[in-house]
Amino acid sequence: MIEIINLHKKFGKLTVLDGLDLKIKKGGIFAILGPNGSGKTTLIKCLLGMVIPDRGDILLEGKSVLHAAAYRNNINYLPQIANFPSNLTVTELINMVKNLRPKPADEKPLVELFGLRPFLKKKLGNLSGGTKQKVNLLLTFMFDSDLIILDEPTTGLDPIALIHLKETIQQEKEKGKTILITTHIMSFVDEMADEIVFLLDGKIYFKGSVQQLKEQTHESNLEYAIAHLISKQDA
């Protein structure tokens, strides 16, 4: 579904992506991991068209996304920070986003799932961080798209909301969707991810299953396996 070919990106003298090559098949949950500054956020922004690479190409279903726009309508994106207009109510925000995208949306099941009904008429500026994240999730999943990108989706969620998030992601996977997740919560990755893509210094140092990484590093714990991978590359 996604093919990234020899992708390069610099910001000034800082090299963020350094000839990155990556193929991600259609369907499944893929965790894009790496320490701060590894290039994962820039990679996601290139895929979304928010950052233009210096060299290379990104193919989605065999077609280049560079200097294109229509392909974005088939992507659901959850930004890391739920930065909403504080003067809007939750209902007003939902309706605004629905009007911005030329495809059907179904928010009602998600309102019930994440317990948002009591907050629909409240101003976004008065909501807690966790409730804003639930609204963020609703805005992401209320559209039916083939590619879903989730940037730190667990931020601020209570245990019940986290369970519902996991169930929602699994349901989307069962529909054949491709889900890309960036997170620092290794227990979430261990439980959810079909494959890991590990970035360091703008390059891919590992691509495979959680079990393969554990076997490669001789670690039974994913956090230790990731730490082992980083320390090995540093050495």
Protein backbone atom coordinates (compact mmCIF):
# COMPACT_ATOMS: atom_id res chain seq x y z
CA MET A 1 0.00 0.00 0.00
CA ILE A 2 2.78 2.45 0.97
CA GLU A 3 6.20 2.55 -0.67
CA ILE A 4 8.77 5.12 0.40
CA ILE A 5 11.75 5.40 -1.93
CA ASN A 6 15.11 7.00 -1.06
CA LEU A 7 13.51 9.75 1.01
CA HIS A 8 15.77 12.65 2.06
CA LYS A 9 14.93 15.68 4.16
CA LYS A 10 17.09 18.33 5.78
CA PHE A 11 16.14 21.28 7.95
CA GLY A 12 19.05 23.63 7.51
CA LYS A 13 22.17 21.58 8.25
CA LEU A 14 20.23 18.94 10.19
CA THR A 15 19.61 15.72 8.26
CA VAL A 16 16.28 14.25 9.41
CA LEU A 17 15.63 11.61 6.75
CA ASP A 18 18.68 10.04 5.13
CA GLY A 19 17.80 7.91 2.11
CA LEU A 20 14.92 6.12 3.82
CA ASP A 21 13.34 3.15 2.04
CA LEU A 22 10.22 1.46 3.38
CA LYS A 23 7.37 -0.74 2.19
CA ILE A 24 4.22 -1.22 4.24
CA LYS A 25 1.69 -3.76 3.04
CA LYS A 26 -2.04 -3.16 2.99
CA GLY A 27 -3.86 -4.17 6.16
CA GLY A 28 -2.47 -4.44 9.69
CA ILE A 29 -1.11 -2.40 12.57
CA PHE A 30 2.37 -0.92 12.17
CA ALA A 31 4.21 0.87 14.98
CA ILE A 32 6.72 3.48 13.82
CA LEU A 33 9.19 3.82 16.68
CA GLY A 34 12.35 5.71 17.42
CA PRO A 35 13.88 8.12 19.93
CA ASN A 36 13.22 11.86 19.74
CA GLY A 37 14.85 13.25 16.61
CA SER A 38 14.88 9.91 14.79
CA GLY A 39 12.77 11.22 11.90
CA LYS A 40 9.46 9.49 12.55
CA THR A 41 7.40 12.70 12.84
CA THR A 42 8.95 14.08 9.65
CA LEU A 43 8.22 10.79 7.88
CA ILE A 44 4.55 10.98 8.90
CA LYS A 45 4.33 14.63 7.84
CA CYS A 46 5.85 13.77 4.45
CA LEU A 47 3.23 11.05 4.02
CA LEU A 48 0.49 13.56 4.90
CA GLY A 49 1.88 16.19 2.53
CA MET A 50 2.69 18.56 5.41
CA VAL A 51 6.44 18.39 4.66
CA ILE A 52 7.92 18.15 1.16
CA PRO A 53 11.01 15.89 0.97
CA ASP A 54 14.19 17.16 -0.67
CA ARG A 55 14.59 13.95 -2.67
CA GLY A 56 12.83 10.65 -3.12
CA ASP A 57 9.21 9.65 -3.56
CA ILE A 58 6.22 8.31 -1.66
CA LEU A 59 3.81 5.98 -3.42
CA LEU A 60 0.34 5.22 -2.12
CA GLU A 61 -1.39 2.40 -4.00
CA GLY A 62 1.32 2.80 -6.66
CA LYS A 63 0.78 6.53 -7.20
CA SER A 64 3.08 9.33 -6.06
CA VAL A 65 1.59 11.58 -3.37
CA LEU A 66 4.11 14.37 -3.89
CA HIS A 67 2.44 17.61 -4.99
CA ALA A 68 -0.95 15.83 -4.86
CA ALA A 69 -3.87 16.47 -2.55
CA ALA A 70 -6.88 14.25 -3.31
CA TYR A 71 -5.25 11.16 -1.73
CA ARG A 72 -5.50 12.77 1.72
CA ASN A 73 -9.26 12.25 1.72
CA ASN A 74 -8.58 8.54 2.20
CA ILE A 75 -6.41 9.11 5.29
CA ASN A 76 -7.62 9.53 8.87
CA TYR A 77 -5.04 11.37 10.99
CA LEU A 78 -4.91 11.75 14.77
CA PRO A 79 -2.46 14.55 15.69
CA GLN A 80 -0.47 14.21 18.90
CA ILE A 81 -1.89 17.41 20.41
CA ALA A 82 -5.65 17.97 20.44
CA ASN A 83 -5.42 21.71 19.70
CA PHE A 84 -9.01 22.79 19.10
CA PRO A 85 -10.66 26.25 18.96
CA SER A 86 -11.55 26.84 22.60
CA ASN A 87 -14.71 28.83 21.85
CA LEU A 88 -16.44 25.99 19.93
CA THR A 89 -18.59 23.32 21.53
CA VAL A 90 -17.85 19.66 20.84
CA THR A 91 -20.91 19.42 18.56
CA GLU A 92 -19.85 22.53 16.62
CA LEU A 93 -16.37 21.09 16.10
CA ILE A 94 -17.76 17.75 14.91
CA ASN A 95 -20.06 19.47 12.41
CA MET A 96 -17.26 21.74 11.20
CA VAL A 97 -14.95 18.80 10.51
CA LYS A 98 -17.77 16.88 8.79
CA ASN A 99 -18.34 19.86 6.50
CA LEU A 100 -14.64 20.09 5.65
CA ARG A 101 -14.33 16.52 4.36
CA PRO A 102 -16.26 15.38 1.26
CA LYS A 103 -17.13 11.93 2.60
CA PRO A 104 -19.75 10.50 4.98
CA ALA A 105 -19.11 10.45 8.72
CA ASP A 106 -20.73 8.52 11.53
CA GLU A 107 -19.91 10.00 14.91
CA LYS A 108 -22.85 8.68 16.95
CA PRO A 109 -21.38 5.26 17.92
CA LEU A 110 -18.13 6.95 18.96
CA VAL A 111 -19.96 9.53 21.08
CA GLU A 112 -21.46 6.64 23.06
CA LEU A 113 -18.30 4.52 23.08
CA PHE A 114 -16.12 7.27 24.59
CA GLY A 115 -18.85 8.67 26.86
CA LEU A 116 -18.92 12.08 25.19
CA ARG A 117 -22.66 12.75 25.28
CA PRO A 118 -22.48 14.89 28.48
CA PHE A 119 -19.82 17.07 26.84
CA LEU A 120 -21.42 17.73 23.43
CA LYS A 121 -22.66 21.22 24.34
CA LYS A 122 -19.58 22.18 26.37
CA LYS A 123 -16.88 24.53 25.08
CA LEU A 124 -13.68 22.78 24.10
CA GLY A 125 -11.66 25.24 26.17
CA ASN A 126 -13.38 23.94 29.31
CA LEU A 127 -12.62 20.25 28.74
CA SER A 128 -9.90 18.21 30.43
CA GLY A 129 -6.96 16.90 28.42
CA GLY A 130 -8.32 13.36 28.50
CA THR A 131 -11.75 14.43 27.22
CA LYS A 132 -10.14 16.45 24.43
CA GLN A 133 -8.23 13.32 23.43
CA LYS A 134 -11.51 11.38 23.25
CA VAL A 135 -12.87 14.09 20.95
CA ASN A 136 -9.65 13.80 18.94
CA LEU A 137 -10.25 10.05 18.56
CA LEU A 138 -13.86 10.58 17.56
CA LEU A 139 -12.85 13.02 14.81
CA THR A 140 -10.33 10.47 13.53
CA PHE A 141 -12.47 7.34 13.48
CA MET A 142 -15.80 8.83 12.39
CA PHE A 143 -14.65 8.69 8.75
CA ASP A 144 -14.19 5.45 6.80
CA SER A 145 -10.69 5.57 5.28
CA ASP A 146 -8.19 2.90 4.21
CA LEU A 147 -5.20 4.46 5.96
CA ILE A 148 -5.29 5.58 9.61
CA ILE A 149 -2.35 7.42 11.20
CA LEU A 150 -2.35 7.75 14.99
CA ASP A 151 0.28 9.95 16.65
CA GLU A 152 0.51 9.10 20.38
CA PRO A 153 -3.15 7.99 20.56
CA THR A 154 -3.09 6.90 24.24
CA THR A 155 -2.19 10.34 25.65
CA GLY A 156 -4.39 11.26 28.62
CA LEU A 157 -6.79 8.33 28.30
CA ASP A 158 -8.27 6.62 31.34
CA PRO A 159 -8.18 2.78 31.45
CA ILE A 160 -11.72 2.36 30.09
CA ALA A 161 -11.13 4.74 27.18
CA LEU A 162 -7.85 2.96 26.45
CA ILE A 163 -9.66 -0.37 26.22
CA HIS A 164 -12.20 1.16 23.82
CA LEU A 165 -9.37 2.60 21.73
CA LYS A 166 -7.73 -0.82 21.44
CA GLU A 167 -11.05 -2.39 20.47
CA THR A 168 -11.63 0.30 17.82
CA ILE A 169 -8.17 -0.19 16.32
CA GLN A 170 -8.69 -3.96 16.16
CA GLN A 171 -12.07 -3.49 14.48
CA GLU A 172 -10.50 -1.24 11.85
CA LYS A 173 -7.77 -3.83 11.27
CA GLU A 174 -10.42 -6.53 10.77
CA LYS A 175 -11.95 -4.34 8.04
CA GLY A 176 -8.64 -4.50 6.18
CA LYS A 177 -7.45 -1.02 7.14
CA THR A 178 -3.78 -0.05 7.44
CA ILE A 179 -3.01 1.61 10.77
CA LEU A 180 0.25 3.46 11.47
CA ILE A 181 0.93 4.28 15.12
CA THR A 182 3.68 6.35 16.71
CA THR A 183 3.97 6.00 20.47
CA HIS A 184 6.43 5.80 23.35
CA ILE A 185 4.23 3.30 25.24
CA MET A 186 5.93 -0.03 24.58
CA SER A 187 3.25 -2.10 26.33
CA PHE A 188 0.73 -0.70 23.83
CA VAL A 189 3.01 -1.65 20.94
CA ASP A 190 3.64 -5.12 22.38
CA GLU A 191 -0.09 -5.77 22.59
CA MET A 192 -1.27 -4.15 19.36
CA ALA A 193 1.39 -4.06 16.65
CA ASP A 194 1.75 -6.61 13.86
CA GLU A 195 5.05 -5.06 12.79
CA ILE A 196 7.56 -2.55 14.13
CA VAL A 197 9.47 -0.05 12.03
CA PHE A 198 12.33 1.36 14.10
CA LEU A 199 13.98 4.60 12.94
CA LEU A 200 17.27 6.07 14.08
CA ASP A 201 19.07 9.05 12.54
CA GLY A 202 16.65 9.13 9.62
CA LYS A 203 17.22 5.49 8.63
CA ILE A 204 15.41 2.22 9.30
CA TYR A 205 17.34 -0.08 11.61
CA PHE A 206 14.68 -2.72 12.11
CA LYS A 207 11.46 -3.84 10.42
CA GLY A 208 9.63 -6.93 11.60
CA SER A 209 7.36 -8.35 14.26
CA VAL A 210 7.66 -7.75 17.99
CA GLN A 211 8.66 -11.37 18.45
CA GLN A 212 11.38 -11.10 15.81
CA LEU A 213 12.85 -8.08 17.57
CA LYS A 214 12.84 -9.87 20.91
CA GLU A 215 14.55 -12.88 19.37
CA GLN A 216 17.12 -10.71 17.57
CA THR A 217 18.05 -8.82 20.75
CA HIS A 218 17.66 -11.83 23.11
CA GLU A 219 15.27 -9.81 25.26
CA SER A 220 11.84 -10.93 26.48
CA ASN A 221 10.72 -7.39 27.29
CA LEU A 222 10.02 -5.00 24.39
CA GLU A 223 11.37 -1.93 26.19
CA TYR A 224 14.66 -3.71 26.81
CA ALA A 225 14.70 -4.94 23.22
CA ILE A 226 14.33 -1.39 21.91
CA ALA A 227 16.97 -0.12 24.36
CA HIS A 228 19.31 -2.90 23.17
CA LEU A 229 18.75 -1.85 19.56
CA ILE A 230 19.55 1.79 20.33
CA SER A 231 22.67 0.98 22.38
CA LYS A 232 23.93 -1.39 19.67
CA GLN A 233 23.64 1.32 17.00
CA ASP A 234 25.27 3.89 19.29
CA ALA A 235 28.19 1.52 19.78
